[in-house]
Amino acid sequence: MLRERIGADAATRSDCGISGLLSMKVLHVLEQSIPDTGGYTIRARAIVDFQRRSGLEPVVVTSPIFPAKDPSVSLEHYDGVRYYRTNHIPAPASAKSKLASYATRP
């Protein structure tokens, strides 16, 4: 029944054991990401890569706190995944910590 509604190819498409029923985007909002190589970024990259190989379309947005080599770059691609950089957004002067910088944004 499901195969009839969405097509046999979509119902069976899977590289990693997850059915790719429909094209679905998954948004990841990260404080840090590649090209940094800390534990947090390696784990996040593995999750994003698994989702991509499973037929999903992961999209990553990084925090303004993420250190960029070139703050003017707002979009990068790694392994077919879009990484939107928000380094151009300044943290408010009233922010005294990372958490406060997010909580006090307009």
Protein backbone atom coordinates (compact mmCIF):
# COMPACT_ATOMS: atom_id res chain seq x y z
CA MET A 1 0.00 0.00 0.00
CA LEU A 2 2.76 2.46 0.91
CA ARG A 3 4.70 1.45 -2.20
CA GLU A 4 1.68 2.23 -4.35
CA ARG A 5 1.29 5.71 -2.85
CA ILE A 6 4.91 6.87 -3.12
CA GLY A 7 6.47 4.48 -5.61
CA ALA A 8 8.55 1.34 -5.21
CA ASP A 9 11.90 3.13 -5.65
CA ALA A 10 11.26 5.61 -2.86
CA ALA A 11 9.92 2.94 -0.51
CA THR A 12 13.03 0.77 -0.84
CA ARG A 13 15.83 3.38 -1.22
CA SER A 14 18.39 2.96 1.55
CA ASP A 15 22.15 2.89 1.82
CA CYS A 16 22.31 2.54 5.59
CA GLY A 17 19.12 0.81 6.67
CA ILE A 18 16.83 3.84 6.91
CA SER A 19 14.00 4.08 4.43
CA GLY A 20 14.22 7.21 2.32
CA LEU A 21 10.49 7.55 1.83
CA LEU A 22 10.54 11.19 0.77
CA SER A 23 13.23 13.80 0.30
CA MET A 24 13.52 15.33 3.74
CA LYS A 25 15.77 18.12 4.99
CA VAL A 26 17.24 17.92 8.48
CA LEU A 27 18.48 21.11 10.10
CA HIS A 28 21.44 20.96 12.47
CA VAL A 29 22.22 24.07 14.54
CA LEU A 30 25.76 23.69 15.84
CA GLU A 31 28.10 25.79 17.91
CA GLN A 32 31.16 24.24 16.20
CA SER A 33 31.57 22.18 13.03
CA ILE A 34 34.09 21.07 10.46
CA PRO A 35 36.77 21.94 9.53
CA ASP A 36 37.46 21.95 13.30
CA THR A 37 38.32 18.47 14.56
CA GLY A 38 37.13 18.38 18.18
CA GLY A 39 35.05 15.49 19.54
CA TYR A 40 31.81 17.45 19.20
CA THR A 41 32.49 18.28 15.55
CA ILE A 42 33.55 14.74 14.65
CA ARG A 43 30.38 13.30 16.18
CA ALA A 44 28.19 15.90 14.44
CA ARG A 45 29.91 15.22 11.11
CA ALA A 46 29.31 11.47 11.49
CA ILE A 47 25.60 12.07 12.14
CA VAL A 48 25.29 14.47 9.19
CA ASP A 49 27.17 12.05 6.91
CA PHE A 50 24.99 9.11 7.96
CA GLN A 51 21.86 11.13 7.24
CA ARG A 52 23.18 12.14 3.81
CA ARG A 53 24.03 8.53 2.92
CA SER A 54 20.57 7.50 4.10
CA GLY A 55 18.90 9.71 1.52
CA LEU A 56 18.11 12.66 3.80
CA GLU A 57 19.31 16.19 3.07
CA PRO A 58 21.11 17.53 6.14
CA VAL A 59 21.76 21.28 6.35
CA VAL A 60 24.05 22.80 8.99
CA VAL A 61 23.96 26.28 10.52
CA THR A 62 26.82 27.25 12.81
CA SER A 63 26.81 29.74 15.64
CA PRO A 64 28.20 33.28 15.33
CA ILE A 65 30.77 32.16 17.91
CA PHE A 66 32.20 29.56 15.49
CA PRO A 67 35.71 30.76 14.52
CA ALA A 68 35.89 31.22 10.78
CA LYS A 69 39.01 31.69 8.69
CA ASP A 70 37.08 34.15 6.53
CA PRO A 71 34.04 35.72 8.26
CA SER A 72 32.74 37.01 4.92
CA VAL A 73 32.00 33.43 3.77
CA SER A 74 28.40 32.59 4.62
CA LEU A 75 28.10 29.22 2.83
CA GLU A 76 30.51 26.30 2.57
CA HIS A 77 30.07 22.78 1.21
CA TYR A 78 31.64 19.67 2.71
CA ASP A 79 30.91 16.24 1.24
CA GLY A 80 27.77 17.51 -0.47
CA VAL A 81 26.34 19.14 2.68
CA ARG A 82 25.64 22.87 2.99
CA TYR A 83 27.15 24.62 6.01
CA TYR A 84 25.73 28.08 6.59
CA ARG A 85 28.04 30.31 8.64
CA THR A 86 26.66 33.10 10.79
CA ASN A 87 29.96 34.76 11.74
CA HIS A 88 28.71 38.02 10.27
CA ILE A 89 26.13 38.30 13.09
CA PRO A 90 27.77 40.13 16.01
CA ALA A 91 27.16 38.98 19.57
CA PRO A 92 25.42 41.67 21.65
CA ALA A 93 27.70 43.79 23.84
CA SER A 94 25.56 42.85 26.85
CA ALA A 95 26.40 39.16 26.46
CA LYS A 96 28.85 38.00 29.11
CA SER A 97 28.85 34.31 28.22
CA LYS A 98 28.05 32.08 25.25
CA LEU A 99 24.62 31.27 26.66
CA ALA A 100 23.88 34.92 27.31
CA SER A 101 24.92 35.82 23.77
CA TYR A 102 22.14 33.57 22.45
CA ALA A 103 19.54 34.54 25.04
CA THR A 104 19.90 38.28 24.54
CA ARG A 105 19.66 38.38 20.74
CA PRO A 106 16.73 40.38 19.40
